Amino acid sequence: MGMKKALNVSREQLRNLAIYLQYAREEERIVVAREIHDECGQALTALQMDLSWLSKRLPDGQQILFDKIKSMSKLIGTTLQTVQNIVTRLRPTELDDLGLMTAIELHVKGFQDRTGIKCEYNLWPDDVVLRQDYSTVIFRIVQELLTNIYRHANATKVKVDFKKKAEILIIRVTDNGKGIKKEQIYNKESFGLMGIRERALILGGKVKIKAMPANGTTCIVTIPYSKCGFLV
């Protein structure tokens, strides 16, 4: 086997390993999310029902106990919402139930609501269907890009854009934050960017970051259309 062919084989093996590891991680996320939802969620719901039962049976003149039950019920409700948020971050049900584009749209809207960062988006029609494992990879790329912006960019606006050009899927995410320095782009401790590159590589893609200090940052992920696993 020639050197070039051996190198190509090695790269293909690494890519297959990355795909397997990504799949294994997502499967583990699904199991953990289900356990949290079933065990913690149901237990908290049962407690809330018990408190409701108890509040209806308190004798008159027990306002202190009534207020305490009300406070406990409110705390349980807040905790239930936290559990739901954790479950959604582990595995967004919209990705399985509604498809990639709707899941990304809902995630972007949720990101805007949680952070106050104004978001614009230009996504593909809902009739674009991908293999589930590939949809997950693309969703995680967008998710990580938005997380990085929230953590590091100090941005007030973000734009997420999907398009197809010359058989290439292009994902472009732009923010108006403080910009990224060149040394940060290639920093070995920039685990968020490393994760984005790793996921793009799974689909044979590339990541390019345009650093514009004081004028924001643009991240462009390009993936060969043939590698995206499109079903239609």
C-alpha atoms as a PDB file:
ATOM      1  CA  MET A   1       0.000   0.000   0.000  1.00  0.00           C
ATOM      2  CA  GLY A   2       1.407   3.384  -1.011  1.00  0.00           C
ATOM      3  CA  MET A   3       2.026   6.153   1.506  1.00  0.00           C
ATOM      4  CA  LYS A   4      -0.770   8.343   0.137  1.00  0.00           C
ATOM      5  CA  LYS A   5      -3.278   5.512   0.143  1.00  0.00           C
ATOM      6  CA  ALA A   6      -2.285   4.484   3.674  1.00  0.00           C
ATOM      7  CA  LEU A   7      -2.746   8.077   4.828  1.00  0.00           C
ATOM      8  CA  ASN A   8      -6.208   8.226   3.250  1.00  0.00           C
ATOM      9  CA  VAL A   9      -7.157   4.950   4.910  1.00  0.00           C
ATOM     10  CA  SER A  10      -5.922   6.241   8.243  1.00  0.00           C
ATOM     11  CA  ARG A  11      -7.938   9.450   7.859  1.00  0.00           C
ATOM     12  CA  GLU A  12     -11.051   7.469   6.985  1.00  0.00           C
ATOM     13  CA  GLN A  13     -10.563   5.266  10.037  1.00  0.00           C
ATOM     14  CA  LEU A  14     -10.194   8.336  12.262  1.00  0.00           C
ATOM     15  CA  ARG A  15     -13.311   9.870  10.760  1.00  0.00           C
ATOM     16  CA  ASN A  16     -15.268   6.630  11.359  1.00  0.00           C
ATOM     17  CA  LEU A  17     -13.998   6.566  14.942  1.00  0.00           C
ATOM     18  CA  ALA A  18     -15.105  10.168  15.440  1.00  0.00           C
ATOM     19  CA  ILE A  19     -18.552   9.296  14.071  1.00  0.00           C
ATOM     20  CA  TYR A  20     -18.789   6.330  16.427  1.00  0.00           C
ATOM     21  CA  LEU A  21     -17.718   8.392  19.454  1.00  0.00           C
ATOM     22  CA  GLN A  22     -20.200  11.127  18.559  1.00  0.00           C
ATOM     23  CA  TYR A  23     -22.966   8.539  18.215  1.00  0.00           C
ATOM     24  CA  ALA A  24     -21.989   6.912  21.527  1.00  0.00           C
ATOM     25  CA  ARG A  25     -22.026  10.291  23.309  1.00  0.00           C
ATOM     26  CA  GLU A  26     -25.462  11.134  21.947  1.00  0.00           C
ATOM     27  CA  GLU A  27     -26.818   7.716  22.943  1.00  0.00           C
ATOM     28  CA  GLU A  28     -25.496   8.261  26.453  1.00  0.00           C
ATOM     29  CA  ARG A  29     -27.075  11.734  26.541  1.00  0.00           C
ATOM     30  CA  ILE A  30     -30.431  10.209  25.563  1.00  0.00           C
ATOM     31  CA  VAL A  31     -30.231   7.603  28.350  1.00  0.00           C
ATOM     32  CA  VAL A  32     -29.211  10.189  30.982  1.00  0.00           C
ATOM     33  CA  ALA A  33     -31.919  12.630  29.838  1.00  0.00           C
ATOM     34  CA  ARG A  34     -34.560   9.897  30.056  1.00  0.00           C
ATOM     35  CA  GLU A  35     -33.451   8.856  33.542  1.00  0.00           C
ATOM     36  CA  ILE A  36     -33.447  12.452  34.813  1.00  0.00           C
ATOM     37  CA  HIS A  37     -36.884  13.055  33.316  1.00  0.00           C
ATOM     38  CA  ASP A  38     -38.384   9.825  34.634  1.00  0.00           C
ATOM     39  CA  GLU A  39     -36.784   9.664  38.073  1.00  0.00           C
ATOM     40  CA  CYS A  40     -36.316  13.290  39.160  1.00  0.00           C
ATOM     41  CA  GLY A  41     -39.197  14.734  37.185  1.00  0.00           C
ATOM     42  CA  GLN A  42     -41.753  12.212  38.407  1.00  0.00           C
ATOM     43  CA  ALA A  43     -40.555  12.414  42.011  1.00  0.00           C
ATOM     44  CA  LEU A  44     -40.833  16.220  42.020  1.00  0.00           C
ATOM     45  CA  THR A  45     -44.268  16.059  40.431  1.00  0.00           C
ATOM     46  CA  ALA A  46     -45.403  13.597  43.104  1.00  0.00           C
ATOM     47  CA  LEU A  47     -44.131  15.932  45.840  1.00  0.00           C
ATOM     48  CA  GLN A  48     -45.989  18.849  44.280  1.00  0.00           C
ATOM     49  CA  MET A  49     -49.201  16.803  44.219  1.00  0.00           C
ATOM     50  CA  ASP A  50     -48.713  15.800  47.863  1.00  0.00           C
ATOM     51  CA  LEU A  51     -48.252  19.433  48.888  1.00  0.00           C
ATOM     52  CA  SER A  52     -51.405  20.371  47.007  1.00  0.00           C
ATOM     53  CA  TRP A  53     -53.273  17.591  48.839  1.00  0.00           C
ATOM     54  CA  LEU A  54     -51.885  18.762  52.173  1.00  0.00           C
ATOM     55  CA  SER A  55     -52.739  22.434  51.611  1.00  0.00           C
ATOM     56  CA  LYS A  56     -56.396  21.548  51.045  1.00  0.00           C
ATOM     57  CA  ARG A  57     -56.572  19.758  54.406  1.00  0.00           C
ATOM     58  CA  LEU A  58     -54.989  22.369  56.641  1.00  0.00           C
ATOM     59  CA  PRO A  59     -57.318  23.599  59.392  1.00  0.00           C
ATOM     60  CA  ASP A  60     -58.251  27.256  59.526  1.00  0.00           C
ATOM     61  CA  GLY A  61     -55.832  29.614  61.202  1.00  0.00           C
ATOM     62  CA  GLN A  62     -52.695  27.913  59.891  1.00  0.00           C
ATOM     63  CA  GLN A  63     -51.545  30.721  57.608  1.00  0.00           C
ATOM     64  CA  ILE A  64     -47.848  30.171  58.459  1.00  0.00           C
ATOM     65  CA  LEU A  65     -48.050  26.527  57.391  1.00  0.00           C
ATOM     66  CA  PHE A  66     -50.068  27.462  54.294  1.00  0.00           C
ATOM     67  CA  ASP A  67     -47.447  30.031  53.266  1.00  0.00           C
ATOM     68  CA  LYS A  68     -44.697  27.472  53.819  1.00  0.00           C
ATOM     69  CA  ILE A  69     -46.451  24.918  51.625  1.00  0.00           C
ATOM     70  CA  LYS A  70     -46.948  27.565  48.955  1.00  0.00           C
ATOM     71  CA  SER A  71     -43.246  28.460  49.099  1.00  0.00           C
ATOM     72  CA  MET A  72     -42.231  24.772  48.861  1.00  0.00           C
ATOM     73  CA  SER A  73     -44.575  24.238  45.911  1.00  0.00           C
ATOM     74  CA  LYS A  74     -43.073  27.223  44.111  1.00  0.00           C
ATOM     75  CA  LEU A  75     -39.554  25.879  44.708  1.00  0.00           C
ATOM     76  CA  ILE A  76     -40.557  22.477  43.346  1.00  0.00           C
ATOM     77  CA  GLY A  77     -42.025  24.152  40.254  1.00  0.00           C
ATOM     78  CA  THR A  78     -38.780  26.052  39.684  1.00  0.00           C
ATOM     79  CA  THR A  79     -36.779  22.855  40.156  1.00  0.00           C
ATOM     80  CA  LEU A  80     -39.009  21.018  37.689  1.00  0.00           C
ATOM     81  CA  GLN A  81     -38.281  23.716  35.117  1.00  0.00           C
ATOM     82  CA  THR A  82     -34.565  23.372  35.811  1.00  0.00           C
ATOM     83  CA  VAL A  83     -34.815  19.607  35.310  1.00  0.00           C
ATOM     84  CA  GLN A  84     -36.629  20.172  32.013  1.00  0.00           C
ATOM     85  CA  ASN A  85     -33.940  22.611  30.886  1.00  0.00           C
ATOM     86  CA  ILE A  86     -31.216  20.071  31.716  1.00  0.00           C
ATOM     87  CA  VAL A  87     -33.071  17.337  29.839  1.00  0.00           C
ATOM     88  CA  THR A  88     -33.497  19.629  26.821  1.00  0.00           C
ATOM     89  CA  ARG A  89     -29.795  20.531  26.788  1.00  0.00           C
ATOM     90  CA  LEU A  90     -28.879  16.856  26.977  1.00  0.00           C
ATOM     91  CA  ARG A  91     -31.223  15.893  24.159  1.00  0.00           C
ATOM     92  CA  PRO A  92     -33.717  18.342  22.620  1.00  0.00           C
ATOM     93  CA  THR A  93     -36.905  16.406  21.929  1.00  0.00           C
ATOM     94  CA  GLU A  94     -37.690  18.791  19.056  1.00  0.00           C
ATOM     95  CA  LEU A  95     -34.770  17.305  17.127  1.00  0.00           C
ATOM     96  CA  ASP A  96     -36.434  13.884  17.145  1.00  0.00           C
ATOM     97  CA  ASP A  97     -40.045  15.021  16.910  1.00  0.00           C
ATOM     98  CA  LEU A  98     -39.940  18.065  14.604  1.00  0.00           C
ATOM     99  CA  GLY A  99     -36.719  17.820  12.572  1.00  0.00           C
ATOM    100  CA  LEU A 100     -33.431  19.709  12.387  1.00  0.00           C
ATOM    101  CA  MET A 101     -34.541  23.116  11.111  1.00  0.00           C
ATOM    102  CA  THR A 102     -37.411  23.459  13.571  1.00  0.00           C
ATOM    103  CA  ALA A 103     -35.149  22.314  16.418  1.00  0.00           C
ATOM    104  CA  ILE A 104     -32.544  24.932  15.477  1.00  0.00           C
ATOM    105  CA  GLU A 105     -35.206  27.636  15.151  1.00  0.00           C
ATOM    106  CA  LEU A 106     -36.569  26.848  18.615  1.00  0.00           C
ATOM    107  CA  HIS A 107     -33.059  26.702  20.064  1.00  0.00           C
ATOM    108  CA  VAL A 108     -32.162  30.083  18.572  1.00  0.00           C
ATOM    109  CA  LYS A 109     -35.380  31.619  19.922  1.00  0.00           C
ATOM    110  CA  GLY A 110     -34.714  30.079  23.329  1.00  0.00           C
ATOM    111  CA  PHE A 111     -31.148  31.381  23.243  1.00  0.00           C
ATOM    112  CA  GLN A 112     -32.467  34.881  22.534  1.00  0.00           C
ATOM    113  CA  ASP A 113     -34.985  34.668  25.388  1.00  0.00           C
ATOM    114  CA  ARG A 114     -32.411  33.381  27.890  1.00  0.00           C
ATOM    115  CA  THR A 115     -29.552  35.719  27.023  1.00  0.00           C
ATOM    116  CA  GLY A 116     -31.229  38.866  25.680  1.00  0.00           C
ATOM    117  CA  ILE A 117     -29.029  38.638  22.574  1.00  0.00           C
ATOM    118  CA  LYS A 118     -31.089  39.536  19.492  1.00  0.00           C
ATOM    119  CA  CYS A 119     -31.010  36.707  16.962  1.00  0.00           C
ATOM    120  CA  GLU A 120     -31.756  36.604  13.249  1.00  0.00           C
ATOM    121  CA  TYR A 121     -31.855  33.360  11.307  1.00  0.00           C
ATOM    122  CA  ASN A 122     -32.248  32.160   7.770  1.00  0.00           C
ATOM    123  CA  LEU A 123     -32.879  28.410   7.738  1.00  0.00           C
ATOM    124  CA  TRP A 124     -33.816  25.830   5.150  1.00  0.00           C
ATOM    125  CA  PRO A 125     -37.394  24.694   4.505  1.00  0.00           C
ATOM    126  CA  ASP A 126     -38.761  22.003   6.810  1.00  0.00           C
ATOM    127  CA  ASP A 127     -38.965  19.504   3.948  1.00  0.00           C
ATOM    128  CA  VAL A 128     -35.172  19.044   4.074  1.00  0.00           C
ATOM    129  CA  VAL A 129     -34.684  15.724   5.875  1.00  0.00           C
ATOM    130  CA  LEU A 130     -31.370  14.371   7.143  1.00  0.00           C
ATOM    131  CA  ARG A 131     -30.295  11.168   8.784  1.00  0.00           C
ATOM    132  CA  GLN A 132     -30.902  11.483  12.519  1.00  0.00           C
ATOM    133  CA  ASP A 133     -27.242  11.086  13.533  1.00  0.00           C
ATOM    134  CA  TYR A 134     -26.133  13.731  10.997  1.00  0.00           C
ATOM    135  CA  SER A 135     -28.901  16.085  12.104  1.00  0.00           C
ATOM    136  CA  THR A 136     -27.594  15.761  15.643  1.00  0.00           C
ATOM    137  CA  VAL A 137     -24.059  16.702  14.568  1.00  0.00           C
ATOM    138  CA  ILE A 138     -25.248  19.851  12.775  1.00  0.00           C
ATOM    139  CA  PHE A 139     -27.513  20.826  15.679  1.00  0.00           C
ATOM    140  CA  ARG A 140     -24.609  20.468  18.124  1.00  0.00           C
ATOM    141  CA  ILE A 141     -22.404  22.653  15.906  1.00  0.00           C
ATOM    142  CA  VAL A 142     -24.947  25.491  15.999  1.00  0.00           C
ATOM    143  CA  GLN A 143     -25.532  24.958  19.714  1.00  0.00           C
ATOM    144  CA  GLU A 144     -21.803  25.180  20.491  1.00  0.00           C
ATOM    145  CA  LEU A 145     -21.334  28.255  18.309  1.00  0.00           C
ATOM    146  CA  LEU A 146     -24.092  30.094  20.177  1.00  0.00           C
ATOM    147  CA  THR A 147     -22.711  28.952  23.531  1.00  0.00           C
ATOM    148  CA  ASN A 148     -19.269  30.315  22.607  1.00  0.00           C
ATOM    149  CA  ILE A 149     -20.793  33.661  21.627  1.00  0.00           C
ATOM    150  CA  TYR A 150     -22.623  33.911  24.938  1.00  0.00           C
ATOM    151  CA  ARG A 151     -19.522  33.034  26.965  1.00  0.00           C
ATOM    152  CA  HIS A 152     -16.895  35.076  25.171  1.00  0.00           C
ATOM    153  CA  ALA A 153     -18.189  37.607  22.648  1.00  0.00           C
ATOM    154  CA  ASN A 154     -20.140  40.171  24.667  1.00  0.00           C
ATOM    155  CA  ALA A 155     -22.418  40.403  21.647  1.00  0.00           C
ATOM    156  CA  THR A 156     -25.842  42.000  21.361  1.00  0.00           C
ATOM    157  CA  LYS A 157     -26.748  40.546  17.947  1.00  0.00           C
ATOM    158  CA  VAL A 158     -26.278  37.166  16.264  1.00  0.00           C
ATOM    159  CA  LYS A 159     -27.210  35.914  12.821  1.00  0.00           C
ATOM    160  CA  VAL A 160     -27.487  32.227  11.896  1.00  0.00           C
ATOM    161  CA  ASP A 161     -27.571  31.485   8.182  1.00  0.00           C
ATOM    162  CA  PHE A 162     -27.905  28.182   6.274  1.00  0.00           C
ATOM    163  CA  LYS A 163     -27.388  27.980   2.527  1.00  0.00           C
ATOM    164  CA  LYS A 164     -26.316  25.596  -0.213  1.00  0.00           C
ATOM    165  CA  LYS A 165     -23.729  26.617  -2.781  1.00  0.00           C
ATOM    166  CA  ALA A 166     -22.013  24.397  -5.360  1.00  0.00           C
ATOM    167  CA  GLU A 167     -22.967  21.180  -3.534  1.00  0.00           C
ATOM    168  CA  ILE A 168     -21.713  22.582  -0.242  1.00  0.00           C
ATOM    169  CA  LEU A 169     -23.768  23.144   2.892  1.00  0.00           C
ATOM    170  CA  ILE A 170     -22.702  26.443   4.459  1.00  0.00           C
ATOM    171  CA  ILE A 171     -23.496  27.317   8.059  1.00  0.00           C
ATOM    172  CA  ARG A 172     -22.566  30.899   8.871  1.00  0.00           C
ATOM    173  CA  VAL A 173     -22.898  32.330  12.374  1.00  0.00           C
ATOM    174  CA  THR A 174     -22.000  35.991  12.849  1.00  0.00           C
ATOM    175  CA  ASP A 175     -21.980  38.135  15.981  1.00  0.00           C
ATOM    176  CA  ASN A 176     -21.299  41.817  16.655  1.00  0.00           C
ATOM    177  CA  GLY A 177     -19.193  41.201  19.762  1.00  0.00           C
ATOM    178  CA  LYS A 178     -15.670  42.168  20.715  1.00  0.00           C
ATOM    179  CA  GLY A 179     -14.082  39.908  18.108  1.00  0.00           C
ATOM    180  CA  ILE A 180     -11.686  37.022  18.544  1.00  0.00           C
ATOM    181  CA  LYS A 181      -7.902  37.218  18.505  1.00  0.00           C
ATOM    182  CA  LYS A 182      -5.925  35.051  16.106  1.00  0.00           C
ATOM    183  CA  GLU A 183      -4.142  33.237  18.917  1.00  0.00           C
ATOM    184  CA  GLN A 184      -7.523  32.323  20.428  1.00  0.00           C
ATOM    185  CA  ILE A 185      -8.641  30.660  17.204  1.00  0.00           C
ATOM    186  CA  TYR A 186      -5.821  28.118  17.354  1.00  0.00           C
ATOM    187  CA  ASN A 187      -5.528  27.830  21.129  1.00  0.00           C
ATOM    188  CA  LYS A 188      -5.374  24.157  22.122  1.00  0.00           C
ATOM    189  CA  GLU A 189      -7.417  24.987  25.213  1.00  0.00           C
ATOM    190  CA  SER A 190     -10.295  26.454  23.187  1.00  0.00           C
ATOM    191  CA  PHE A 191     -12.381  23.340  23.719  1.00  0.00           C
ATOM    192  CA  GLY A 192     -15.532  24.883  22.257  1.00  0.00           C
ATOM    193  CA  LEU A 193     -13.837  25.556  18.924  1.00  0.00           C
ATOM    194  CA  MET A 194     -12.143  22.169  19.049  1.00  0.00           C
ATOM    195  CA  GLY A 195     -15.530  20.531  19.506  1.00  0.00           C
ATOM    196  CA  ILE A 196     -16.964  22.422  16.541  1.00  0.00           C
ATOM    197  CA  ARG A 197     -14.050  21.381  14.332  1.00  0.00           C
ATOM    198  CA  GLU A 198     -14.346  17.783  15.491  1.00  0.00           C
ATOM    199  CA  ARG A 199     -18.033  17.642  14.667  1.00  0.00           C
ATOM    200  CA  ALA A 200     -17.527  19.285  11.275  1.00  0.00           C
ATOM    201  CA  LEU A 201     -14.779  16.760  10.503  1.00  0.00           C
ATOM    202  CA  ILE A 202     -17.228  13.934  11.169  1.00  0.00           C
ATOM    203  CA  LEU A 203     -19.170  15.113   8.102  1.00  0.00           C
ATOM    204  CA  GLY A 204     -16.050  15.815   6.062  1.00  0.00           C
ATOM    205  CA  GLY A 205     -16.399  19.528   6.708  1.00  0.00           C
ATOM    206  CA  LYS A 206     -14.194  22.467   7.593  1.00  0.00           C
ATOM    207  CA  VAL A 207     -14.405  25.414   9.977  1.00  0.00           C
ATOM    208  CA  LYS A 208     -13.187  28.901   9.135  1.00  0.00           C
ATOM    209  CA  ILE A 209     -13.218  31.765  11.607  1.00  0.00           C
ATOM    210  CA  LYS A 210     -12.970  35.353  10.462  1.00  0.00           C
ATOM    211  CA  ALA A 211     -11.568  37.470  13.247  1.00  0.00           C
ATOM    212  CA  MET A 212     -12.704  41.082  13.219  1.00  0.00           C
ATOM    213  CA  PRO A 213     -11.587  42.731  16.475  1.00  0.00           C
ATOM    214  CA  ALA A 214     -14.139  45.238  17.784  1.00  0.00           C
ATOM    215  CA  ASN A 215     -16.449  44.321  14.895  1.00  0.00           C
ATOM    216  CA  GLY A 216     -17.539  40.825  15.816  1.00  0.00           C
ATOM    217  CA  THR A 217     -16.685  37.352  14.584  1.00  0.00           C
ATOM    218  CA  THR A 218     -17.914  35.177  11.747  1.00  0.00           C
ATOM    219  CA  CYS A 219     -17.661  31.396  11.873  1.00  0.00           C
ATOM    220  CA  ILE A 220     -18.252  29.520   8.618  1.00  0.00           C
ATOM    221  CA  VAL A 221     -18.758  25.758   8.617  1.00  0.00           C
ATOM    222  CA  THR A 222     -18.714  24.105   5.201  1.00  0.00           C
ATOM    223  CA  ILE A 223     -19.836  20.528   4.706  1.00  0.00           C
ATOM    224  CA  PRO A 224     -19.975  18.605   1.410  1.00  0.00           C
ATOM    225  CA  TYR A 225     -23.626  18.191   0.484  1.00  0.00           C
ATOM    226  CA  SER A 226     -23.022  14.515  -0.312  1.00  0.00           C
ATOM    227  CA  LYS A 227     -21.735  13.940   3.239  1.00  0.00           C
ATOM    228  CA  CYS A 228     -24.766  15.370   5.008  1.00  0.00           C
ATOM    229  CA  GLY A 229     -26.923  12.272   4.710  1.00  0.00           C
ATOM    230  CA  PHE A 230     -29.839  14.078   3.050  1.00  0.00           C
ATOM    231  CA  LEU A 231     -32.841  11.850   2.457  1.00  0.00           C
ATOM    232  CA  VAL A 232     -34.647  14.307   0.153  1.00  0.00           C
END
